[in-house]
Amino acid sequence: MNDDLKALIRTIPDFPKPGIQFRDITTLLLDAGGFAQTIARMAAATLGPVDLIAGIEARGFIFAAALAAPLNAGVLLLRKDGKLPGATIAEDYALEYGEDRIVMHEDALVPGQRVLLVDDLIATGGTARAAVRLLRKAGAELRQAQFVIDLPELGGADALRAEKIQVDSLLSFAGH
C-alpha cells in the first residue's frame, strides 16, 4: 500500500557495520510530496484525539512536529540525558553494550493527557520501550506508537505490543 514511500527510502549496505542494511529516511525527507504523504498517512492512522505527540530524539522530532499541526496537538520532546534545561524525569534502558537514558521535562505533560509516541524507525525497541515507561511514569495516557519504518525481525514492535501499545508503521523492511 505504501510502495510509493518505500521507493523513497535509500538502503545503505554495511552501515554502520558489516551486515547491517541501513534504512536511510533522508531521501524520503528530501521529497516534498513523499514527506507530505508520510505525514498525511500517519495522521490518518492516529487513534485520536491526542493532546501531545512525543517524538524520540532526533529523527522522531521531525515526524512529531509535522504531525502536530494536522492533529492539533503539542510536541513533547524525549531527549538523551543532559540535553534539556530545567528539571527532568528519566528512564534508563539497556543498549547492546552498556546503558543509556531518555528524559523529558517533568512538567511537560499533565497526568491523563493523551499522548502518541512517534519515531522514524523501530528495530529492537529498547528506546521506544523506555519512552513508554517514561511517559507512563509521568501519567500519560498512551495507547499508540507510530513509526515510518519497522524492522520486524528485530522484535521491537512486538515488544511494544506486549506493553499494550498499538503499533503502526507505514513501511516494513526484512533484515536489519
N, C-alpha and C. Protein backbone atom coordinates (compact mmCIF):
# COMPACT_ATOMS: atom_id res chain seq x y z
N MET A 1 0.82 -1.20 0.00
CA MET A 1 0.00 0.00 0.00
C MET A 1 0.86 1.26 0.00
N ASN A 2 2.02 1.19 0.63
CA ASN A 2 2.89 2.37 0.71
C ASN A 2 4.16 2.18 -0.12
N ASP A 3 4.03 1.46 -1.22
CA ASP A 3 5.20 1.22 -2.06
C ASP A 3 5.79 2.52 -2.62
N ASP A 4 4.94 3.53 -2.82
CA ASP A 4 5.45 4.81 -3.30
C ASP A 4 6.42 5.43 -2.29
N LEU A 5 6.12 5.28 -1.00
CA LEU A 5 7.01 5.80 0.03
C LEU A 5 8.24 4.91 0.20
N LYS A 6 8.02 3.61 0.11
CA LYS A 6 9.14 2.67 0.26
C LYS A 6 10.21 2.93 -0.79
N ALA A 7 9.79 3.32 -1.98
CA ALA A 7 10.73 3.61 -3.06
C ALA A 7 11.60 4.83 -2.76
N LEU A 8 11.17 5.65 -1.80
CA LEU A 8 11.93 6.85 -1.44
C LEU A 8 12.95 6.62 -0.33
N ILE A 9 12.98 5.41 0.22
CA ILE A 9 13.92 5.07 1.28
C ILE A 9 15.17 4.45 0.65
N ARG A 10 16.32 5.04 0.95
CA ARG A 10 17.58 4.52 0.42
C ARG A 10 18.13 3.49 1.41
N THR A 11 18.61 2.38 0.88
CA THR A 11 19.27 1.37 1.70
C THR A 11 20.78 1.48 1.49
N ILE A 12 21.50 1.59 2.59
CA ILE A 12 22.96 1.69 2.54
C ILE A 12 23.52 0.44 3.19
N PRO A 13 24.11 -0.46 2.37
CA PRO A 13 24.63 -1.71 2.93
C PRO A 13 25.87 -1.49 3.80
N ASP A 14 25.99 -2.34 4.80
CA ASP A 14 27.17 -2.38 5.67
C ASP A 14 27.42 -1.08 6.43
N PHE A 15 26.34 -0.39 6.82
CA PHE A 15 26.47 0.81 7.64
C PHE A 15 25.58 0.67 8.86
N PRO A 16 26.02 0.92 10.05
CA PRO A 16 27.33 1.41 10.45
C PRO A 16 28.39 0.33 10.58
N LYS A 17 28.00 -0.95 10.37
CA LYS A 17 29.00 -2.02 10.41
C LYS A 17 28.59 -3.11 9.43
N PRO A 18 29.51 -3.98 9.08
CA PRO A 18 29.20 -5.03 8.10
C PRO A 18 27.98 -5.85 8.50
N GLY A 19 27.14 -6.14 7.50
CA GLY A 19 25.94 -6.95 7.71
C GLY A 19 24.68 -6.16 8.00
N ILE A 20 24.82 -4.87 8.29
CA ILE A 20 23.66 -4.02 8.56
C ILE A 20 23.20 -3.37 7.26
N GLN A 21 21.89 -3.40 7.04
CA GLN A 21 21.27 -2.71 5.91
C GLN A 21 20.61 -1.46 6.48
N PHE A 22 21.29 -0.31 6.39
CA PHE A 22 20.79 0.92 6.99
C PHE A 22 19.67 1.50 6.12
N ARG A 23 18.51 1.73 6.72
CA ARG A 23 17.35 2.32 6.01
C ARG A 23 17.39 3.83 6.24
N ASP A 24 17.76 4.55 5.21
CA ASP A 24 18.03 5.98 5.29
C ASP A 24 16.79 6.79 4.90
N ILE A 25 16.19 7.47 5.87
CA ILE A 25 14.99 8.26 5.59
C ILE A 25 15.30 9.64 5.02
N THR A 26 16.58 10.02 4.96
CA THR A 26 16.87 11.37 4.47
C THR A 26 16.40 11.55 3.03
N THR A 27 16.40 10.48 2.25
CA THR A 27 15.93 10.58 0.87
C THR A 27 14.41 10.79 0.83
N LEU A 28 13.68 10.23 1.79
CA LEU A 28 12.24 10.49 1.91
C LEU A 28 12.00 11.95 2.30
N LEU A 29 12.80 12.45 3.23
CA LEU A 29 12.64 13.84 3.69
C LEU A 29 12.93 14.85 2.59
N LEU A 30 13.79 14.49 1.66
CA LEU A 30 14.13 15.38 0.55
C LEU A 30 13.01 15.50 -0.48
N ASP A 31 12.08 14.57 -0.46
CA ASP A 31 10.98 14.55 -1.43
C ASP A 31 9.75 15.18 -0.78
N ALA A 32 9.42 16.41 -1.18
CA ALA A 32 8.31 17.14 -0.54
C ALA A 32 7.00 16.37 -0.58
N GLY A 33 6.67 15.82 -1.75
CA GLY A 33 5.42 15.07 -1.87
C GLY A 33 5.42 13.81 -1.04
N GLY A 34 6.53 13.11 -1.03
CA GLY A 34 6.64 11.88 -0.24
C GLY A 34 6.55 12.16 1.25
N PHE A 35 7.22 13.23 1.69
CA PHE A 35 7.15 13.59 3.10
C PHE A 35 5.73 14.00 3.48
N ALA A 36 5.07 14.78 2.64
CA ALA A 36 3.69 15.20 2.91
C ALA A 36 2.77 13.98 2.99
N GLN A 37 2.95 13.03 2.10
CA GLN A 37 2.12 11.81 2.13
C GLN A 37 2.40 10.99 3.39
N THR A 38 3.66 10.94 3.81
CA THR A 38 4.01 10.22 5.03
C THR A 38 3.24 10.79 6.21
N ILE A 39 3.26 12.11 6.34
CA ILE A 39 2.57 12.76 7.45
C ILE A 39 1.06 12.57 7.34
N ALA A 40 0.51 12.70 6.16
CA ALA A 40 -0.93 12.53 5.97
C ALA A 40 -1.36 11.11 6.35
N ARG A 41 -0.57 10.12 5.95
CA ARG A 41 -0.93 8.73 6.26
C ARG A 41 -0.76 8.41 7.73
N MET A 42 0.26 8.98 8.36
CA MET A 42 0.41 8.78 9.80
C MET A 42 -0.75 9.46 10.55
N ALA A 43 -1.12 10.65 10.13
CA ALA A 43 -2.24 11.35 10.77
C ALA A 43 -3.53 10.53 10.63
N ALA A 44 -3.76 9.97 9.45
CA ALA A 44 -4.97 9.18 9.22
C ALA A 44 -5.00 7.91 10.07
N ALA A 45 -3.84 7.39 10.43
CA ALA A 45 -3.75 6.16 11.22
C ALA A 45 -3.79 6.41 12.72
N THR A 46 -3.85 7.67 13.13
CA THR A 46 -3.80 8.00 14.54
C THR A 46 -5.11 7.69 15.23
N LEU A 47 -4.98 7.01 16.38
CA LEU A 47 -6.14 6.79 17.25
C LEU A 47 -6.32 8.07 18.04
N GLY A 48 -7.24 8.87 17.63
CA GLY A 48 -7.35 10.20 18.23
C GLY A 48 -8.59 10.34 19.05
N PRO A 49 -8.74 11.51 19.60
CA PRO A 49 -7.80 12.64 19.53
C PRO A 49 -6.62 12.44 20.48
N VAL A 50 -5.55 13.19 20.22
CA VAL A 50 -4.37 13.19 21.10
C VAL A 50 -4.06 14.62 21.50
N ASP A 51 -3.47 14.75 22.67
CA ASP A 51 -3.09 16.07 23.17
C ASP A 51 -1.65 16.42 22.82
N LEU A 52 -0.79 15.40 22.85
CA LEU A 52 0.64 15.60 22.61
C LEU A 52 1.20 14.51 21.70
N ILE A 53 2.16 14.91 20.88
CA ILE A 53 2.92 13.94 20.08
C ILE A 53 4.30 13.90 20.69
N ALA A 54 4.70 12.75 21.23
CA ALA A 54 6.02 12.59 21.84
C ALA A 54 6.98 12.06 20.78
N GLY A 55 7.99 12.85 20.45
CA GLY A 55 8.99 12.45 19.47
C GLY A 55 10.29 12.07 20.15
N ILE A 56 10.85 10.95 19.70
CA ILE A 56 12.12 10.46 20.25
C ILE A 56 13.28 11.08 19.48
N GLU A 57 14.26 11.59 20.22
CA GLU A 57 15.43 12.23 19.61
C GLU A 57 16.11 11.27 18.64
N ALA A 58 16.52 11.73 17.50
CA ALA A 58 16.37 13.06 16.96
C ALA A 58 15.39 13.04 15.80
N ARG A 59 15.41 11.98 15.00
CA ARG A 59 14.54 11.97 13.81
C ARG A 59 13.06 11.92 14.18
N GLY A 60 12.74 11.40 15.34
CA GLY A 60 11.36 11.41 15.79
C GLY A 60 10.81 12.81 15.96
N PHE A 61 11.70 13.79 16.24
CA PHE A 61 11.26 15.18 16.36
C PHE A 61 10.66 15.67 15.05
N ILE A 62 11.24 15.27 13.94
CA ILE A 62 10.77 15.72 12.62
C ILE A 62 9.32 15.29 12.42
N PHE A 63 9.06 14.01 12.66
CA PHE A 63 7.73 13.47 12.42
C PHE A 63 6.73 13.95 13.46
N ALA A 64 7.15 14.08 14.71
CA ALA A 64 6.26 14.60 15.75
C ALA A 64 5.82 16.02 15.44
N ALA A 65 6.76 16.86 15.07
CA ALA A 65 6.44 18.25 14.78
C ALA A 65 5.51 18.36 13.57
N ALA A 66 5.78 17.58 12.54
CA ALA A 66 4.94 17.64 11.34
C ALA A 66 3.54 17.10 11.61
N LEU A 67 3.42 16.10 12.46
CA LEU A 67 2.10 15.53 12.80
C LEU A 67 1.29 16.43 13.72
N ALA A 68 1.97 17.24 14.50
CA ALA A 68 1.27 18.06 15.49
C ALA A 68 0.24 19.00 14.86
N ALA A 69 0.57 19.61 13.72
CA ALA A 69 -0.36 20.56 13.11
C ALA A 69 -1.66 19.90 12.67
N PRO A 70 -1.63 18.84 11.85
CA PRO A 70 -2.91 18.26 11.44
C PRO A 70 -3.69 17.60 12.58
N LEU A 71 -2.98 17.21 13.64
CA LEU A 71 -3.66 16.56 14.77
C LEU A 71 -4.02 17.55 15.87
N ASN A 72 -3.69 18.84 15.66
CA ASN A 72 -3.98 19.88 16.65
C ASN A 72 -3.45 19.48 18.03
N ALA A 73 -2.17 19.11 18.05
CA ALA A 73 -1.55 18.64 19.28
C ALA A 73 -0.24 19.37 19.51
N GLY A 74 0.23 19.32 20.74
CA GLY A 74 1.54 19.85 21.07
C GLY A 74 2.62 18.81 20.81
N VAL A 75 3.87 19.24 20.89
CA VAL A 75 5.01 18.35 20.68
C VAL A 75 5.79 18.21 21.98
N LEU A 76 6.00 16.99 22.40
CA LEU A 76 6.75 16.67 23.61
C LEU A 76 8.07 16.03 23.16
N LEU A 77 9.18 16.62 23.58
CA LEU A 77 10.50 16.12 23.17
C LEU A 77 11.03 15.12 24.19
N LEU A 78 11.38 13.93 23.71
CA LEU A 78 12.04 12.91 24.52
C LEU A 78 13.50 12.90 24.09
N ARG A 79 14.39 13.29 25.02
CA ARG A 79 15.78 13.55 24.66
C ARG A 79 16.75 12.65 25.40
N LYS A 80 17.96 12.64 24.91
CA LYS A 80 19.04 11.99 25.63
C LYS A 80 19.37 12.83 26.85
N ASP A 81 19.93 12.19 27.86
CA ASP A 81 20.24 12.85 29.11
C ASP A 81 21.20 14.02 28.90
N GLY A 82 20.97 15.11 29.63
CA GLY A 82 21.84 16.27 29.59
C GLY A 82 21.51 17.27 28.51
N LYS A 83 20.43 17.08 27.76
CA LYS A 83 20.09 17.96 26.65
C LYS A 83 18.96 18.94 26.96
N LEU A 84 18.23 18.72 28.05
CA LEU A 84 17.11 19.59 28.38
C LEU A 84 17.46 20.45 29.59
N PRO A 85 17.14 21.74 29.54
CA PRO A 85 17.34 22.58 30.73
C PRO A 85 16.20 22.34 31.71
N GLY A 86 16.41 22.67 32.93
CA GLY A 86 15.34 22.54 33.92
C GLY A 86 15.23 21.13 34.45
N ALA A 87 14.23 20.95 35.30
CA ALA A 87 14.01 19.67 35.97
C ALA A 87 13.46 18.64 34.99
N THR A 88 14.01 17.43 35.05
CA THR A 88 13.58 16.35 34.15
C THR A 88 13.27 15.10 34.95
N ILE A 89 12.54 14.20 34.31
CA ILE A 89 12.40 12.83 34.80
C ILE A 89 13.04 11.94 33.75
N ALA A 90 13.53 10.77 34.17
CA ALA A 90 14.34 9.95 33.28
C ALA A 90 13.95 8.48 33.37
N GLU A 91 14.36 7.76 32.34
CA GLU A 91 14.21 6.31 32.30
C GLU A 91 15.48 5.74 31.68
N ASP A 92 16.12 4.82 32.38
CA ASP A 92 17.31 4.15 31.87
C ASP A 92 16.90 2.94 31.05
N TYR A 93 17.74 2.58 30.09
CA TYR A 93 17.48 1.38 29.29
C TYR A 93 18.80 0.80 28.81
N ALA A 94 18.76 -0.49 28.50
CA ALA A 94 19.96 -1.21 28.10
C ALA A 94 20.22 -1.05 26.61
N LEU A 95 21.49 -0.93 26.28
CA LEU A 95 21.97 -0.96 24.91
C LEU A 95 22.72 -2.27 24.71
N GLU A 96 23.12 -2.53 23.47
CA GLU A 96 23.87 -3.75 23.21
C GLU A 96 25.13 -3.81 24.09
N TYR A 97 25.80 -2.67 24.23
CA TYR A 97 27.00 -2.59 25.06
C TYR A 97 26.86 -1.42 26.01
N GLY A 98 26.15 -1.59 27.12
CA GLY A 98 26.03 -0.54 28.10
C GLY A 98 24.60 -0.10 28.33
N GLU A 99 24.46 1.14 28.80
CA GLU A 99 23.15 1.70 29.10
C GLU A 99 23.03 3.10 28.55
N ASP A 100 21.79 3.57 28.44
CA ASP A 100 21.52 4.94 28.05
C ASP A 100 20.34 5.42 28.88
N ARG A 101 19.99 6.68 28.70
CA ARG A 101 18.91 7.29 29.47
C ARG A 101 18.14 8.23 28.55
N ILE A 102 16.82 8.20 28.68
CA ILE A 102 15.94 9.12 27.96
C ILE A 102 15.23 9.99 28.99
N VAL A 103 15.07 11.28 28.68
CA VAL A 103 14.50 12.21 29.65
C VAL A 103 13.44 13.09 28.99
N MET A 104 12.63 13.69 29.84
CA MET A 104 11.67 14.71 29.42
C MET A 104 11.54 15.70 30.57
N HIS A 105 11.07 16.90 30.26
CA HIS A 105 10.80 17.86 31.33
C HIS A 105 9.72 17.29 32.24
N GLU A 106 9.93 17.46 33.54
CA GLU A 106 8.97 16.89 34.49
C GLU A 106 7.59 17.54 34.40
N ASP A 107 7.52 18.75 33.84
CA ASP A 107 6.24 19.43 33.70
C ASP A 107 5.73 19.43 32.25
N ALA A 108 6.24 18.52 31.43
CA ALA A 108 5.89 18.51 30.00
C ALA A 108 4.47 18.04 29.74
N LEU A 109 3.91 17.28 30.65
CA LEU A 109 2.53 16.84 30.43
C LEU A 109 1.77 16.81 31.75
N VAL A 110 0.48 16.93 31.62
CA VAL A 110 -0.42 16.83 32.76
C VAL A 110 -0.91 15.39 32.81
N PRO A 111 -0.86 14.74 33.98
CA PRO A 111 -1.34 13.36 34.03
C PRO A 111 -2.73 13.23 33.42
N GLY A 112 -2.88 12.20 32.60
CA GLY A 112 -4.14 11.96 31.91
C GLY A 112 -4.15 12.46 30.47
N GLN A 113 -3.15 13.26 30.09
CA GLN A 113 -3.13 13.71 28.70
C GLN A 113 -2.89 12.53 27.77
N ARG A 114 -3.54 12.61 26.61
CA ARG A 114 -3.45 11.55 25.59
C ARG A 114 -2.22 11.82 24.73
N VAL A 115 -1.31 10.83 24.69
CA VAL A 115 -0.03 11.01 24.01
C VAL A 115 0.14 9.94 22.93
N LEU A 116 0.62 10.37 21.78
CA LEU A 116 1.02 9.49 20.69
C LEU A 116 2.54 9.49 20.64
N LEU A 117 3.16 8.32 20.68
CA LEU A 117 4.62 8.19 20.59
C LEU A 117 5.00 8.00 19.13
N VAL A 118 6.03 8.76 18.67
CA VAL A 118 6.43 8.74 17.26
C VAL A 118 7.95 8.67 17.14
N ASP A 119 8.40 7.87 16.17
CA ASP A 119 9.81 7.86 15.78
C ASP A 119 9.90 7.43 14.32
N ASP A 120 11.08 7.59 13.76
CA ASP A 120 11.25 7.24 12.35
C ASP A 120 11.29 5.74 12.13
N LEU A 121 11.88 4.98 13.08
CA LEU A 121 12.12 3.56 12.86
C LEU A 121 12.05 2.81 14.17
N ILE A 122 11.52 1.59 14.12
CA ILE A 122 11.59 0.71 15.28
C ILE A 122 12.36 -0.54 14.87
N ALA A 123 13.38 -0.83 15.68
CA ALA A 123 14.21 -2.01 15.44
C ALA A 123 14.04 -2.95 16.64
N THR A 124 14.96 -2.91 17.59
CA THR A 124 14.83 -3.78 18.77
C THR A 124 13.83 -3.22 19.78
N GLY A 125 13.55 -1.93 19.70
CA GLY A 125 12.54 -1.33 20.56
C GLY A 125 13.02 -0.88 21.92
N GLY A 126 14.32 -0.94 22.19
CA GLY A 126 14.82 -0.55 23.50
C GLY A 126 14.49 0.89 23.87
N THR A 127 14.74 1.80 22.96
CA THR A 127 14.46 3.21 23.23
C THR A 127 12.96 3.46 23.31
N ALA A 128 12.20 2.85 22.42
CA ALA A 128 10.74 3.04 22.43
C ALA A 128 10.13 2.48 23.71
N ARG A 129 10.59 1.34 24.17
CA ARG A 129 10.07 0.78 25.43
C ARG A 129 10.39 1.69 26.60
N ALA A 130 11.61 2.25 26.60
CA ALA A 130 11.98 3.20 27.67
C ALA A 130 11.09 4.44 27.59
N ALA A 131 10.79 4.90 26.38
CA ALA A 131 9.91 6.06 26.21
C ALA A 131 8.52 5.76 26.75
N VAL A 132 8.01 4.57 26.51
CA VAL A 132 6.69 4.17 27.03
C VAL A 132 6.71 4.20 28.56
N ARG A 133 7.74 3.63 29.16
CA ARG A 133 7.84 3.63 30.63
C ARG A 133 7.91 5.05 31.17
N LEU A 134 8.71 5.90 30.51
CA LEU A 134 8.86 7.29 30.95
C LEU A 134 7.53 8.04 30.86
N LEU A 135 6.85 7.92 29.74
CA LEU A 135 5.58 8.61 29.57
C LEU A 135 4.54 8.13 30.56
N ARG A 136 4.49 6.83 30.79
CA ARG A 136 3.53 6.30 31.77
C ARG A 136 3.87 6.75 33.18
N LYS A 137 5.16 6.81 33.50
CA LYS A 137 5.59 7.29 34.81
C LYS A 137 5.12 8.73 35.03
N ALA A 138 5.10 9.52 33.95
CA ALA A 138 4.65 10.91 34.03
C ALA A 138 3.13 11.04 34.04
N GLY A 139 2.41 9.93 33.84
CA GLY A 139 0.95 9.96 33.89
C GLY A 139 0.26 10.04 32.54
N ALA A 140 0.99 9.84 31.46
CA ALA A 140 0.39 9.91 30.12
C ALA A 140 -0.58 8.75 29.88
N GLU A 141 -1.62 9.04 29.12
CA GLU A 141 -2.50 8.00 28.58
C GLU A 141 -1.92 7.68 27.20
N LEU A 142 -1.30 6.54 27.10
CA LEU A 142 -0.56 6.16 25.89
C LEU A 142 -1.12 4.86 25.35
N ARG A 143 -1.71 4.93 24.15
CA ARG A 143 -2.31 3.75 23.54
C ARG A 143 -1.62 3.33 22.26
N GLN A 144 -0.88 4.25 21.64
CA GLN A 144 -0.39 4.00 20.29
C GLN A 144 1.01 4.57 20.10
N ALA A 145 1.78 3.85 19.28
CA ALA A 145 3.09 4.34 18.81
C ALA A 145 3.11 4.17 17.30
N GLN A 146 3.65 5.17 16.62
CA GLN A 146 3.75 5.13 15.16
C GLN A 146 5.20 5.30 14.73
N PHE A 147 5.54 4.57 13.68
CA PHE A 147 6.88 4.62 13.10
C PHE A 147 6.73 4.66 11.59
N VAL A 148 7.67 5.31 10.94
CA VAL A 148 7.67 5.27 9.48
C VAL A 148 8.09 3.87 9.04
N ILE A 149 9.14 3.33 9.66
CA ILE A 149 9.71 2.04 9.27
C ILE A 149 9.73 1.08 10.45
N ASP A 150 9.38 -0.18 10.17
CA ASP A 150 9.51 -1.27 11.13
C ASP A 150 10.48 -2.29 10.55
N LEU A 151 11.40 -2.76 11.39
CA LEU A 151 12.26 -3.89 11.06
C LEU A 151 11.77 -5.06 11.91
N PRO A 152 10.72 -5.78 11.45
CA PRO A 152 10.02 -6.73 12.30
C PRO A 152 10.88 -7.88 12.83
N GLU A 153 11.90 -8.27 12.10
CA GLU A 153 12.74 -9.38 12.55
C GLU A 153 13.48 -9.05 13.85
N LEU A 154 13.60 -7.77 14.18
CA LEU A 154 14.32 -7.38 15.40
C LEU A 154 13.41 -7.31 16.62
N GLY A 155 12.08 -7.43 16.43
CA GLY A 155 11.16 -7.64 17.54
C GLY A 155 10.70 -6.43 18.33
N GLY A 156 11.08 -5.24 17.95
CA GLY A 156 10.70 -4.06 18.73
C GLY A 156 9.21 -3.80 18.77
N ALA A 157 8.55 -3.93 17.63
CA ALA A 157 7.10 -3.68 17.59
C ALA A 157 6.36 -4.69 18.46
N ASP A 158 6.79 -5.95 18.42
CA ASP A 158 6.16 -6.97 19.26
C ASP A 158 6.37 -6.67 20.74
N ALA A 159 7.55 -6.17 21.09
CA ALA A 159 7.82 -5.82 22.49
C ALA A 159 6.89 -4.70 22.95
N LEU A 160 6.62 -3.72 22.08
CA LEU A 160 5.68 -2.65 22.45
C LEU A 160 4.26 -3.19 22.57
N ARG A 161 3.89 -4.09 21.67
CA ARG A 161 2.55 -4.68 21.75
C ARG A 161 2.37 -5.43 23.08
N ALA A 162 3.43 -6.04 23.57
CA ALA A 162 3.37 -6.72 24.86
C ALA A 162 3.12 -5.73 26.00
N GLU A 163 3.42 -4.45 25.76
CA GLU A 163 3.16 -3.38 26.73
C GLU A 163 1.77 -2.78 26.52
N LYS A 164 0.95 -3.43 25.71
CA LYS A 164 -0.41 -2.98 25.41
C LYS A 164 -0.44 -1.66 24.64
N ILE A 165 0.49 -1.51 23.71
CA ILE A 165 0.56 -0.36 22.83
C ILE A 165 0.22 -0.81 21.42
N GLN A 166 -0.69 -0.13 20.76
CA GLN A 166 -0.94 -0.40 19.35
C GLN A 166 0.22 0.19 18.57
N VAL A 167 0.84 -0.62 17.72
CA VAL A 167 1.99 -0.18 16.94
C VAL A 167 1.59 -0.13 15.47
N ASP A 168 1.83 1.02 14.85
CA ASP A 168 1.54 1.20 13.43
C ASP A 168 2.80 1.70 12.74
N SER A 169 3.09 1.12 11.59
CA SER A 169 4.22 1.54 10.76
C SER A 169 3.74 1.61 9.32
N LEU A 170 4.26 2.58 8.60
CA LEU A 170 3.91 2.69 7.19
C LEU A 170 4.65 1.68 6.33
N LEU A 171 5.89 1.39 6.71
CA LEU A 171 6.76 0.54 5.90
C LEU A 171 7.41 -0.55 6.74
N SER A 172 7.68 -1.67 6.11
CA SER A 172 8.36 -2.77 6.76
C SER A 172 9.48 -3.24 5.84
N PHE A 173 10.64 -3.48 6.43
CA PHE A 173 11.79 -3.99 5.68
C PHE A 173 12.29 -5.26 6.34
N ALA A 174 12.55 -6.27 5.54
CA ALA A 174 13.15 -7.50 6.06
C ALA A 174 14.62 -7.25 6.36
N GLY A 175 15.14 -8.03 7.27
CA GLY A 175 16.55 -7.92 7.60
C GLY A 175 16.81 -6.78 8.57
N HIS A 176 18.08 -6.52 8.78
CA HIS A 176 18.48 -5.46 9.70
C HIS A 176 19.78 -4.82 9.28
